[in-house]
PDB file of N, CA and C in Angstrom:
ATOM      1  N   MET A   1       0.811  -1.196   0.000  1.00  0.00           N
ATOM      2  CA  MET A   1       0.000   0.000   0.000  1.00  0.00           C
ATOM      3  C   MET A   1       0.855   1.260   0.000  1.00  0.00           C
ATOM      4  N   LYS A   2       1.931   1.285   0.742  1.00  0.00           N
ATOM      5  CA  LYS A   2       2.803   2.441   0.761  1.00  0.00           C
ATOM      6  C   LYS A   2       3.398   2.690  -0.614  1.00  0.00           C
ATOM      7  N   THR A   3       3.739   1.656  -1.311  1.00  0.00           N
ATOM      8  CA  THR A   3       4.341   1.799  -2.629  1.00  0.00           C
ATOM      9  C   THR A   3       3.369   2.486  -3.577  1.00  0.00           C
ATOM     10  N   ILE A   4       2.117   2.115  -3.565  1.00  0.00           N
ATOM     11  CA  ILE A   4       1.116   2.736  -4.425  1.00  0.00           C
ATOM     12  C   ILE A   4       0.941   4.203  -4.050  1.00  0.00           C
ATOM     13  N   LYS A   5       0.911   4.501  -2.763  1.00  0.00           N
ATOM     14  CA  LYS A   5       0.747   5.871  -2.316  1.00  0.00           C
ATOM     15  C   LYS A   5       1.929   6.733  -2.772  1.00  0.00           C
ATOM     16  N   MET A   6       3.136   6.237  -2.704  1.00  0.00           N
ATOM     17  CA  MET A   6       4.305   6.981  -3.134  1.00  0.00           C
ATOM     18  C   MET A   6       4.279   7.207  -4.645  1.00  0.00           C
ATOM     19  N   MET A   7       3.826   6.211  -5.394  1.00  0.00           N
ATOM     20  CA  MET A   7       3.736   6.369  -6.839  1.00  0.00           C
ATOM     21  C   MET A   7       2.712   7.439  -7.184  1.00  0.00           C
ATOM     22  N   PHE A   8       1.614   7.458  -6.439  1.00  0.00           N
ATOM     23  CA  PHE A   8       0.593   8.468  -6.685  1.00  0.00           C
ATOM     24  C   PHE A   8       1.132   9.864  -6.408  1.00  0.00           C
ATOM     25  N   VAL A   9       1.878  10.025  -5.312  1.00  0.00           N
ATOM     26  CA  VAL A   9       2.458  11.318  -4.986  1.00  0.00           C
ATOM     27  C   VAL A   9       3.453  11.721  -6.070  1.00  0.00           C
ATOM     28  N   SER A  10       4.261  10.791  -6.535  1.00  0.00           N
ATOM     29  CA  SER A  10       5.213  11.081  -7.602  1.00  0.00           C
ATOM     30  C   SER A  10       4.490  11.499  -8.868  1.00  0.00           C
ATOM     31  N   SER A  11       3.431  10.802  -9.229  1.00  0.00           N
ATOM     32  CA  SER A  11       2.672  11.149 -10.423  1.00  0.00           C
ATOM     33  C   SER A  11       2.053  12.530 -10.288  1.00  0.00           C
ATOM     34  N   GLU A  12       1.511  12.826  -9.120  1.00  0.00           N
ATOM     35  CA  GLU A  12       0.911  14.135  -8.881  1.00  0.00           C
ATOM     36  C   GLU A  12       1.971  15.236  -8.976  1.00  0.00           C
ATOM     37  N   SER A  13       3.138  14.950  -8.455  1.00  0.00           N
ATOM     38  CA  SER A  13       4.235  15.910  -8.511  1.00  0.00           C
ATOM     39  C   SER A  13       4.642  16.173  -9.957  1.00  0.00           C
ATOM     40  N   VAL A  14       4.696  15.128 -10.765  1.00  0.00           N
ATOM     41  CA  VAL A  14       5.052  15.275 -12.177  1.00  0.00           C
ATOM     42  C   VAL A  14       3.996  16.101 -12.897  1.00  0.00           C
ATOM     43  N   VAL A  15       2.733  15.834 -12.629  1.00  0.00           N
ATOM     44  CA  VAL A  15       1.649  16.587 -13.260  1.00  0.00           C
ATOM     45  C   VAL A  15       1.704  18.047 -12.845  1.00  0.00           C
ATOM     46  N   THR A  16       1.919  18.320 -11.572  1.00  0.00           N
ATOM     47  CA  THR A  16       2.011  19.690 -11.078  1.00  0.00           C
ATOM     48  C   THR A  16       3.190  20.416 -11.735  1.00  0.00           C
ATOM     49  N   THR A  17       4.324  19.734 -11.817  1.00  0.00           N
ATOM     50  CA  THR A  17       5.493  20.327 -12.464  1.00  0.00           C
ATOM     51  C   THR A  17       5.205  20.618 -13.933  1.00  0.00           C
ATOM     52  N   GLY A  18       4.546  19.686 -14.602  1.00  0.00           N
ATOM     53  CA  GLY A  18       4.193  19.874 -16.016  1.00  0.00           C
ATOM     54  C   GLY A  18       3.257  21.053 -16.218  1.00  0.00           C
ATOM     55  N   ILE A  19       2.280  21.194 -15.339  1.00  0.00           N
ATOM     56  CA  ILE A  19       1.336  22.309 -15.443  1.00  0.00           C
ATOM     57  C   ILE A  19       2.060  23.631 -15.218  1.00  0.00           C
ATOM     58  N   CYS A  20       2.944  23.680 -14.224  1.00  0.00           N
ATOM     59  CA  CYS A  20       3.715  24.910 -13.968  1.00  0.00           C
ATOM     60  C   CYS A  20       4.589  25.256 -15.162  1.00  0.00           C
ATOM     61  N   PHE A  21       5.215  24.246 -15.767  1.00  0.00           N
ATOM     62  CA  PHE A  21       6.055  24.475 -16.934  1.00  0.00           C
ATOM     63  C   PHE A  21       5.233  25.034 -18.091  1.00  0.00           C
ATOM     64  N   LEU A  22       4.089  24.441 -18.377  1.00  0.00           N
ATOM     65  CA  LEU A  22       3.241  24.918 -19.469  1.00  0.00           C
ATOM     66  C   LEU A  22       2.732  26.326 -19.206  1.00  0.00           C
ATOM     67  N   TRP A  23       2.379  26.630 -17.979  1.00  0.00           N
ATOM     68  CA  TRP A  23       1.921  27.983 -17.639  1.00  0.00           C
ATOM     69  C   TRP A  23       3.043  28.988 -17.856  1.00  0.00           C
ATOM     70  N   THR A  24       4.262  28.631 -17.411  1.00  0.00           N
ATOM     71  CA  THR A  24       5.409  29.515 -17.591  1.00  0.00           C
ATOM     72  C   THR A  24       5.667  29.755 -19.079  1.00  0.00           C
ATOM     73  N   CYS A  25       5.616  28.702 -19.890  1.00  0.00           N
ATOM     74  CA  CYS A  25       5.821  28.844 -21.335  1.00  0.00           C
ATOM     75  C   CYS A  25       4.766  29.751 -21.947  1.00  0.00           C
ATOM     76  N   SER A  26       3.529  29.601 -21.540  1.00  0.00           N
ATOM     77  CA  SER A  26       2.471  30.443 -22.109  1.00  0.00           C
ATOM     78  C   SER A  26       2.674  31.900 -21.727  1.00  0.00           C
ATOM     79  N   MET A  27       3.195  32.151 -20.532  1.00  0.00           N
ATOM     80  CA  MET A  27       3.472  33.530 -20.121  1.00  0.00           C
ATOM     81  C   MET A  27       4.601  34.125 -20.963  1.00  0.00           C
ATOM     82  N   CYS A  28       5.609  33.321 -21.261  1.00  0.00           N
ATOM     83  CA  CYS A  28       6.721  33.792 -22.091  1.00  0.00           C
ATOM     84  C   CYS A  28       6.243  34.089 -23.504  1.00  0.00           C
ATOM     85  N   LEU A  29       5.456  33.213 -24.056  1.00  0.00           N
ATOM     86  CA  LEU A  29       4.966  33.403 -25.424  1.00  0.00           C
ATOM     87  C   LEU A  29       4.066  34.623 -25.529  1.00  0.00           C
ATOM     88  N   GLY A  30       3.379  34.939 -24.453  1.00  0.00           N
ATOM     89  CA  GLY A  30       2.513  36.109 -24.469  1.00  0.00           C
ATOM     90  C   GLY A  30       3.291  37.421 -24.521  1.00  0.00           C
ATOM     91  N   ASN A  31       4.569  37.386 -24.181  1.00  0.00           N
ATOM     92  CA  ASN A  31       5.384  38.597 -24.143  1.00  0.00           C
ATOM     93  C   ASN A  31       6.277  38.767 -25.360  1.00  0.00           C
ATOM     94  N   ILE A  32       6.143  37.919 -26.349  1.00  0.00           N
ATOM     95  CA  ILE A  32       6.983  38.030 -27.540  1.00  0.00           C
ATOM     96  C   ILE A  32       6.566  39.258 -28.331  1.00  0.00           C
ATOM     97  N   GLN A  33       7.554  40.074 -28.695  1.00  0.00           N
ATOM     98  CA  GLN A  33       7.297  41.266 -29.482  1.00  0.00           C
ATOM     99  C   GLN A  33       7.911  41.091 -30.861  1.00  0.00           C
ATOM    100  N   THR A  34       7.255  41.636 -31.850  1.00  0.00           N
ATOM    101  CA  THR A  34       7.848  41.671 -33.170  1.00  0.00           C
ATOM    102  C   THR A  34       7.875  43.122 -33.623  1.00  0.00           C
ATOM    103  N   ILE A  35       8.985  43.500 -34.182  1.00  0.00           N
ATOM    104  CA  ILE A  35       9.130  44.844 -34.720  1.00  0.00           C
ATOM    105  C   ILE A  35       9.665  44.705 -36.125  1.00  0.00           C
ATOM    106  N   GLU A  36       9.059  45.397 -37.035  1.00  0.00           N
ATOM    107  CA  GLU A  36       9.487  45.359 -38.420  1.00  0.00           C
ATOM    108  C   GLU A  36      10.644  46.338 -38.605  1.00  0.00           C
ATOM    109  N   SER A  37      11.703  45.875 -39.292  1.00  0.00           N
ATOM    110  CA  SER A  37      12.829  46.763 -39.570  1.00  0.00           C
ATOM    111  C   SER A  37      13.063  46.822 -41.074  1.00  0.00           C
ATOM    112  N   GLN A  38      13.650  47.911 -41.500  1.00  0.00           N
ATOM    113  CA  GLN A  38      13.951  48.124 -42.910  1.00  0.00           C
ATOM    114  C   GLN A  38      15.384  48.646 -42.999  1.00  0.00           C
ATOM    115  N   PHE A  39      16.194  48.063 -43.901  1.00  0.00           N
ATOM    116  CA  PHE A  39      17.572  48.518 -44.078  1.00  0.00           C
ATOM    117  C   PHE A  39      17.616  49.449 -45.279  1.00  0.00           C
ATOM    118  N   SER A  40      18.083  50.671 -45.050  1.00  0.00           N
ATOM    119  CA  SER A  40      18.169  51.664 -46.125  1.00  0.00           C
ATOM    120  C   SER A  40      19.632  51.980 -46.417  1.00  0.00           C
ATOM    121  N   LYS A  41      20.078  51.667 -47.628  1.00  0.00           N
ATOM    122  CA  LYS A  41      21.456  51.973 -48.036  1.00  0.00           C
ATOM    123  C   LYS A  41      21.600  53.452 -48.345  1.00  0.00           C
ATOM    124  N   GLY A  42      22.857  53.945 -48.222  1.00  0.00           N
ATOM    125  CA  GLY A  42      23.143  55.326 -48.574  1.00  0.00           C
ATOM    126  C   GLY A  42      22.806  56.331 -47.496  1.00  0.00           C
ATOM    127  N   LYS A  43      22.586  55.857 -46.272  1.00  0.00           N
ATOM    128  CA  LYS A  43      22.303  56.725 -45.122  1.00  0.00           C
ATOM    129  C   LYS A  43      23.209  56.309 -43.975  1.00  0.00           C
ATOM    130  N   LYS A  44      23.514  57.247 -43.073  1.00  0.00           N
ATOM    131  CA  LYS A  44      24.248  56.913 -41.858  1.00  0.00           C
ATOM    132  C   LYS A  44      23.735  57.770 -40.716  1.00  0.00           C
ATOM    133  N   VAL A  45      23.992  57.279 -39.493  1.00  0.00           N
ATOM    134  CA  VAL A  45      23.550  58.009 -38.302  1.00  0.00           C
ATOM    135  C   VAL A  45      24.461  59.218 -38.088  1.00  0.00           C
ATOM    136  N   ALA A  46      23.900  60.273 -37.525  1.00  0.00           N
ATOM    137  CA  ALA A  46      24.683  61.473 -37.230  1.00  0.00           C
ATOM    138  C   ALA A  46      25.496  61.282 -35.952  1.00  0.00           C
ATOM    139  N   THR A  47      24.907  60.624 -34.970  1.00  0.00           N
ATOM    140  CA  THR A  47      25.589  60.376 -33.699  1.00  0.00           C
ATOM    141  C   THR A  47      25.342  58.934 -33.278  1.00  0.00           C
ATOM    142  N   SER A  48      26.241  58.382 -32.493  1.00  0.00           N
ATOM    143  CA  SER A  48      26.031  57.037 -31.949  1.00  0.00           C
ATOM    144  C   SER A  48      26.489  57.008 -30.497  1.00  0.00           C
ATOM    145  N   TYR A  49      25.845  56.193 -29.700  1.00  0.00           N
ATOM    146  CA  TYR A  49      26.246  56.062 -28.307  1.00  0.00           C
ATOM    147  C   TYR A  49      27.065  54.791 -28.072  1.00  0.00           C
ATOM    148  N   LYS A  50      27.099  53.891 -29.079  1.00  0.00           N
ATOM    149  CA  LYS A  50      27.889  52.670 -28.949  1.00  0.00           C
ATOM    150  C   LYS A  50      28.322  52.227 -30.344  1.00  0.00           C
ATOM    151  N   THR A  51      29.612  51.854 -30.471  1.00  0.00           N
ATOM    152  CA  THR A  51      30.156  51.354 -31.729  1.00  0.00           C
ATOM    153  C   THR A  51      30.622  49.920 -31.516  1.00  0.00           C
ATOM    154  N   LEU A  52      30.164  49.018 -32.368  1.00  0.00           N
ATOM    155  CA  LEU A  52      30.481  47.596 -32.233  1.00  0.00           C
ATOM    156  C   LEU A  52      31.232  47.121 -33.477  1.00  0.00           C
ATOM    157  N   GLN A  53      32.418  46.566 -33.281  1.00  0.00           N
ATOM    158  CA  GLN A  53      33.261  46.102 -34.384  1.00  0.00           C
ATOM    159  C   GLN A  53      32.970  44.641 -34.721  1.00  0.00           C
ATOM    160  N   SER A  54      33.229  44.269 -35.973  1.00  0.00           N
ATOM    161  CA  SER A  54      33.105  42.877 -36.455  1.00  0.00           C
ATOM    162  C   SER A  54      31.707  42.304 -36.215  1.00  0.00           C
ATOM    163  N   TYR A  55      30.707  43.079 -36.542  1.00  0.00           N
ATOM    164  CA  TYR A  55      29.309  42.650 -36.401  1.00  0.00           C
ATOM    165  C   TYR A  55      28.719  42.399 -37.782  1.00  0.00           C
ATOM    166  N   SER A  56      27.869  41.395 -37.883  1.00  0.00           N
ATOM    167  CA  SER A  56      27.117  41.185 -39.126  1.00  0.00           C
ATOM    168  C   SER A  56      25.930  42.142 -39.126  1.00  0.00           C
ATOM    169  N   LYS A  57      25.314  42.304 -40.279  1.00  0.00           N
ATOM    170  CA  LYS A  57      24.118  43.162 -40.357  1.00  0.00           C
ATOM    171  C   LYS A  57      23.018  42.649 -39.439  1.00  0.00           C
ATOM    172  N   ILE A  58      22.836  41.340 -39.439  1.00  0.00           N
ATOM    173  CA  ILE A  58      21.772  40.745 -38.620  1.00  0.00           C
ATOM    174  C   ILE A  58      22.050  40.966 -37.138  1.00  0.00           C
ATOM    175  N   LYS A  59      23.291  40.728 -36.698  1.00  0.00           N
ATOM    176  CA  LYS A  59      23.637  40.933 -35.286  1.00  0.00           C
ATOM    177  C   LYS A  59      23.477  42.401 -34.891  1.00  0.00           C
ATOM    178  N   CYS A  60      23.810  43.309 -35.798  1.00  0.00           N
ATOM    179  CA  CYS A  60      23.646  44.742 -35.522  1.00  0.00           C
ATOM    180  C   CYS A  60      22.169  45.072 -35.306  1.00  0.00           C
ATOM    181  N   SER A  61      21.328  44.565 -36.196  1.00  0.00           N
ATOM    182  CA  SER A  61      19.892  44.803 -36.071  1.00  0.00           C
ATOM    183  C   SER A  61      19.350  44.200 -34.772  1.00  0.00           C
ATOM    184  N   GLU A  62      19.779  42.977 -34.447  1.00  0.00           N
ATOM    185  CA  GLU A  62      19.325  42.321 -33.223  1.00  0.00           C
ATOM    186  C   GLU A  62      19.755  43.106 -31.975  1.00  0.00           C
ATOM    187  N   LYS A  63      20.994  43.602 -31.985  1.00  0.00           N
ATOM    188  CA  LYS A  63      21.500  44.355 -30.830  1.00  0.00           C
ATOM    189  C   LYS A  63      20.677  45.624 -30.604  1.00  0.00           C
ATOM    190  N   CYS A  64      20.381  46.344 -31.683  1.00  0.00           N
ATOM    191  CA  CYS A  64      19.571  47.550 -31.555  1.00  0.00           C
ATOM    192  C   CYS A  64      18.162  47.192 -31.076  1.00  0.00           C
ATOM    193  N   PHE A  65      17.612  46.119 -31.614  1.00  0.00           N
ATOM    194  CA  PHE A  65      16.278  45.678 -31.197  1.00  0.00           C
ATOM    195  C   PHE A  65      16.259  45.356 -29.709  1.00  0.00           C
ATOM    196  N   ASP A  66      17.292  44.629 -29.230  1.00  0.00           N
ATOM    197  CA  ASP A  66      17.367  44.309 -27.798  1.00  0.00           C
ATOM    198  C   ASP A  66      17.409  45.582 -26.952  1.00  0.00           C
ATOM    199  N   GLU A  67      18.194  46.549 -27.387  1.00  0.00           N
ATOM    200  CA  GLU A  67      18.304  47.797 -26.631  1.00  0.00           C
ATOM    201  C   GLU A  67      17.061  48.665 -26.800  1.00  0.00           C
ATOM    202  N   LYS A  68      16.376  48.521 -27.926  1.00  0.00           N
ATOM    203  CA  LYS A  68      15.141  49.277 -28.166  1.00  0.00           C
ATOM    204  C   LYS A  68      14.077  48.904 -27.129  1.00  0.00           C
ATOM    205  N   ARG A  69      14.077  47.652 -26.731  1.00  0.00           N
ATOM    206  CA  ARG A  69      13.119  47.210 -25.708  1.00  0.00           C
ATOM    207  C   ARG A  69      13.376  47.905 -24.368  1.00  0.00           C
ATOM    208  N   GLN A  70      14.566  48.480 -24.206  1.00  0.00           N
ATOM    209  CA  GLN A  70      14.905  49.217 -22.993  1.00  0.00           C
ATOM    210  C   GLN A  70      14.986  50.718 -23.285  1.00  0.00           C
ATOM    211  N   ASN A  71      14.369  51.126 -24.385  1.00  0.00           N
ATOM    212  CA  ASN A  71      14.313  52.537 -24.815  1.00  0.00           C
ATOM    213  C   ASN A  71      15.686  53.169 -25.023  1.00  0.00           C
ATOM    214  N   ARG A  72      16.635  52.383 -25.556  1.00  0.00           N
ATOM    215  CA  ARG A  72      17.971  52.928 -25.745  1.00  0.00           C
ATOM    216  C   ARG A  72      18.395  53.068 -27.202  1.00  0.00           C
ATOM    217  N   CYS A  73      17.759  52.424 -28.143  1.00  0.00           N
ATOM    218  CA  CYS A  73      18.225  52.469 -29.528  1.00  0.00           C
ATOM    219  C   CYS A  73      17.038  52.727 -30.456  1.00  0.00           C
ATOM    220  N   SER A  74      17.129  53.786 -31.243  1.00  0.00           N
ATOM    221  CA  SER A  74      16.040  54.057 -32.177  1.00  0.00           C
ATOM    222  C   SER A  74      16.430  53.711 -33.609  1.00  0.00           C
ATOM    223  N   VAL A  75      17.727  53.685 -33.895  1.00  0.00           N
ATOM    224  CA  VAL A  75      18.194  53.356 -35.240  1.00  0.00           C
ATOM    225  C   VAL A  75      19.603  52.777 -35.132  1.00  0.00           C
ATOM    226  N   ALA A  76      19.904  51.801 -35.993  1.00  0.00           N
ATOM    227  CA  ALA A  76      21.245  51.214 -36.027  1.00  0.00           C
ATOM    228  C   ALA A  76      21.878  51.538 -37.368  1.00  0.00           C
ATOM    229  N   GLY A  77      23.055  52.136 -37.325  1.00  0.00           N
ATOM    230  CA  GLY A  77      23.816  52.387 -38.545  1.00  0.00           C
ATOM    231  C   GLY A  77      24.773  51.240 -38.784  1.00  0.00           C
ATOM    232  N   TYR A  78      25.091  50.969 -40.062  1.00  0.00           N
ATOM    233  CA  TYR A  78      25.972  49.845 -40.376  1.00  0.00           C
ATOM    234  C   TYR A  78      26.873  50.199 -41.547  1.00  0.00           C
ATOM    235  N   ASN A  79      28.164  49.869 -41.404  1.00  0.00           N
ATOM    236  CA  ASN A  79      29.130  50.043 -42.481  1.00  0.00           C
ATOM    237  C   ASN A  79      29.511  48.654 -42.978  1.00  0.00           C
ATOM    238  N   THR A  80      29.106  48.319 -44.197  1.00  0.00           N
ATOM    239  CA  THR A  80      29.343  46.976 -44.724  1.00  0.00           C
ATOM    240  C   THR A  80      30.826  46.706 -44.990  1.00  0.00           C
ATOM    241  N   ALA A  81      31.595  47.726 -45.344  1.00  0.00           N
ATOM    242  CA  ALA A  81      33.017  47.536 -45.651  1.00  0.00           C
ATOM    243  C   ALA A  81      33.820  47.171 -44.401  1.00  0.00           C
ATOM    244  N   THR A  82      33.505  47.799 -43.282  1.00  0.00           N
ATOM    245  CA  THR A  82      34.265  47.564 -42.049  1.00  0.00           C
ATOM    246  C   THR A  82      33.533  46.655 -41.063  1.00  0.00           C
ATOM    247  N   ARG A  83      32.288  46.275 -41.391  1.00  0.00           N
ATOM    248  CA  ARG A  83      31.438  45.457 -40.513  1.00  0.00           C
ATOM    249  C   ARG A  83      31.289  46.094 -39.136  1.00  0.00           C
ATOM    250  N   THR A  84      31.042  47.407 -39.154  1.00  0.00           N
ATOM    251  CA  THR A  84      30.886  48.173 -37.919  1.00  0.00           C
ATOM    252  C   THR A  84      29.428  48.563 -37.732  1.00  0.00           C
ATOM    253  N   CYS A  85      28.958  48.403 -36.508  1.00  0.00           N
ATOM    254  CA  CYS A  85      27.576  48.714 -36.140  1.00  0.00           C
ATOM    255  C   CYS A  85      27.580  49.941 -35.238  1.00  0.00           C
ATOM    256  N   PHE A  86      26.683  50.883 -35.515  1.00  0.00           N
ATOM    257  CA  PHE A  86      26.573  52.113 -34.732  1.00  0.00           C
ATOM    258  C   PHE A  86      25.171  52.197 -34.138  1.00  0.00           C
ATOM    259  N   LEU A  87      25.064  52.070 -32.828  1.00  0.00           N
ATOM    260  CA  LEU A  87      23.769  52.187 -32.165  1.00  0.00           C
ATOM    261  C   LEU A  87      23.521  53.654 -31.850  1.00  0.00           C
ATOM    262  N   SER A  88      22.313  54.118 -32.182  1.00  0.00           N
ATOM    263  CA  SER A  88      22.032  55.545 -32.083  1.00  0.00           C
ATOM    264  C   SER A  88      20.614  55.804 -31.602  1.00  0.00           C
ATOM    265  N   ASN A  89      20.448  56.972 -31.026  1.00  0.00           N
ATOM    266  CA  ASN A  89      19.115  57.459 -30.650  1.00  0.00           C
ATOM    267  C   ASN A  89      18.624  58.523 -31.626  1.00  0.00           C
ATOM    268  N   ASP A  90      19.316  58.660 -32.766  1.00  0.00           N
ATOM    269  CA  ASP A  90      18.885  59.616 -33.791  1.00  0.00           C
ATOM    270  C   ASP A  90      17.498  59.260 -34.310  1.00  0.00           C
ATOM    271  N   GLY A  91      16.785  60.262 -34.747  1.00  0.00           N
ATOM    272  CA  GLY A  91      15.514  60.039 -35.409  1.00  0.00           C
ATOM    273  C   GLY A  91      15.719  60.003 -36.919  1.00  0.00           C
ATOM    274  N   PRO A  92      14.704  59.616 -37.681  1.00  0.00           N
ATOM    275  CA  PRO A  92      14.833  59.565 -39.144  1.00  0.00           C
ATOM    276  C   PRO A  92      15.250  60.900 -39.748  1.00  0.00           C
ATOM    277  N   GLN A  93      14.850  62.003 -39.129  1.00  0.00           N
ATOM    278  CA  GLN A  93      15.186  63.328 -39.646  1.00  0.00           C
ATOM    279  C   GLN A  93      16.664  63.674 -39.428  1.00  0.00           C
ATOM    280  N   ASP A  94      17.353  62.943 -38.541  1.00  0.00           N
ATOM    281  CA  ASP A  94      18.758  63.214 -38.233  1.00  0.00           C
ATOM    282  C   ASP A  94      19.740  62.458 -39.122  1.00  0.00           C
ATOM    283  N   LEU A  95      19.246  61.527 -39.923  1.00  0.00           N
ATOM    284  CA  LEU A  95      20.128  60.694 -40.738  1.00  0.00           C
ATOM    285  C   LEU A  95      20.829  61.517 -41.808  1.00  0.00           C
ATOM    286  N   LEU A  96      22.068  61.125 -42.098  1.00  0.00           N
ATOM    287  CA  LEU A  96      22.880  61.825 -43.091  1.00  0.00           C
ATOM    288  C   LEU A  96      23.005  60.994 -44.368  1.00  0.00           C
ATOM    289  N   ASP A  97      23.139  61.667 -45.504  1.00  0.00           N
ATOM    290  CA  ASP A  97      23.397  60.966 -46.750  1.00  0.00           C
ATOM    291  C   ASP A  97      24.824  60.428 -46.724  1.00  0.00           C
ATOM    292  N   ALA A  98      25.026  59.244 -47.290  1.00  0.00           N
ATOM    293  CA  ALA A  98      26.345  58.613 -47.310  1.00  0.00           C
ATOM    294  C   ALA A  98      26.476  57.760 -48.570  1.00  0.00           C
ATOM    295  N   ASP A  99      27.655  57.190 -48.764  1.00  0.00           N
ATOM    296  CA  ASP A  99      27.826  56.314 -49.927  1.00  0.00           C
ATOM    297  C   ASP A  99      27.184  54.950 -49.645  1.00  0.00           C
ATOM    298  N   GLU A 100      27.234  54.070 -50.618  1.00  0.00           N
ATOM    299  CA  GLU A 100      26.508  52.802 -50.557  1.00  0.00           C
ATOM    300  C   GLU A 100      27.049  51.800 -49.535  1.00  0.00           C
ATOM    301  N   GLU A 101      28.238  52.035 -48.985  1.00  0.00           N
ATOM    302  CA  GLU A 101      28.745  51.087 -47.991  1.00  0.00           C
ATOM    303  C   GLU A 101      28.104  51.303 -46.617  1.00  0.00           C
ATOM    304  N   PHE A 102      27.394  52.411 -46.457  1.00  0.00           N
ATOM    305  CA  PHE A 102      26.672  52.694 -45.220  1.00  0.00           C
ATOM    306  C   PHE A 102      25.185  52.402 -45.403  1.00  0.00           C
ATOM    307  N   GLY A 103      24.556  52.095 -44.293  1.00  0.00           N
ATOM    308  CA  GLY A 103      23.115  51.907 -44.288  1.00  0.00           C
ATOM    309  C   GLY A 103      22.600  52.002 -42.865  1.00  0.00           C
ATOM    310  N   VAL A 104      21.300  52.105 -42.730  1.00  0.00           N
ATOM    311  CA  VAL A 104      20.681  52.177 -41.406  1.00  0.00           C
ATOM    312  C   VAL A 104      19.493  51.233 -41.335  1.00  0.00           C
ATOM    313  N   PHE A 105      19.270  50.707 -40.143  1.00  0.00           N
ATOM    314  CA  PHE A 105      18.073  49.927 -39.854  1.00  0.00           C
ATOM    315  C   PHE A 105      17.054  50.863 -39.226  1.00  0.00           C
ATOM    316  N   LEU A 106      15.927  51.001 -39.873  1.00  0.00           N
ATOM    317  CA  LEU A 106      14.825  51.804 -39.342  1.00  0.00           C
ATOM    318  C   LEU A 106      13.780  50.838 -38.800  1.00  0.00           C
ATOM    319  N   TYR A 107      13.253  51.143 -37.651  1.00  0.00           N
ATOM    320  CA  TYR A 107      12.291  50.266 -36.984  1.00  0.00           C
ATOM    321  C   TYR A 107      10.924  50.917 -36.977  1.00  0.00           C
ATOM    322  N   ALA A 108       9.921  50.141 -37.386  1.00  0.00           N
ATOM    323  CA  ALA A 108       8.538  50.632 -37.353  1.00  0.00           C
ATOM    324  C   ALA A 108       8.050  50.640 -35.915  1.00  0.00           C
ATOM    325  N   ASP A 109       7.272  51.634 -35.585  1.00  0.00           N
ATOM    326  CA  ASP A 109       6.669  51.705 -34.260  1.00  0.00           C
ATOM    327  C   ASP A 109       5.586  50.643 -34.186  1.00  0.00           C
ATOM    328  N   PRO A 110       5.708  49.648 -33.245  1.00  0.00           N
ATOM    329  CA  PRO A 110       4.728  48.569 -33.191  1.00  0.00           C
ATOM    330  C   PRO A 110       3.321  49.043 -32.889  1.00  0.00           C
ATOM    331  N   THR A 111       3.172  50.187 -32.219  1.00  0.00           N
ATOM    332  CA  THR A 111       1.831  50.663 -31.891  1.00  0.00           C
ATOM    333  C   THR A 111       1.146  51.246 -33.127  1.00  0.00           C
ATOM    334  N   SER A 112       1.928  51.679 -34.131  1.00  0.00           N
ATOM    335  CA  SER A 112       1.321  52.242 -35.327  1.00  0.00           C
ATOM    336  C   SER A 112       0.951  51.171 -36.342  1.00  0.00           C
ATOM    337  N   MET A 113       1.324  49.924 -36.046  1.00  0.00           N
ATOM    338  CA  MET A 113       1.062  48.842 -36.995  1.00  0.00           C
ATOM    339  C   MET A 113      -0.325  48.241 -36.811  1.00  0.00           C
ATOM    340  N   PHE A 114      -1.043  48.604 -35.739  1.00  0.00           N
ATOM    341  CA  PHE A 114      -2.350  47.985 -35.478  1.00  0.00           C
ATOM    342  C   PHE A 114      -3.464  48.982 -35.646  1.00  0.00           C
TER     343      PHE A 114
END
């Protein structure tokens, strides 16, 4: 009889753990944000608060997106020749014209998309 009771407690514990895990996953999925970005060649940021060397375009965009969630990055500049990423708080009106090796990632405001 004790063996059956212990198995029941173990099974209940597994079910409880499974339910907690599924609830936690659903909470995480509910917080996923998507932001649309656009890469525009021939533009560069006027100022930057952080410069990152040896970054790919994708990593540069991801880094700015991560910081954007903390209200720190509004646009990411990128130099394809040097693989340099420039994180900036410049607005679209602050961008400068540049040659084709420069570009910027512009992010759509998620609240304006709905």
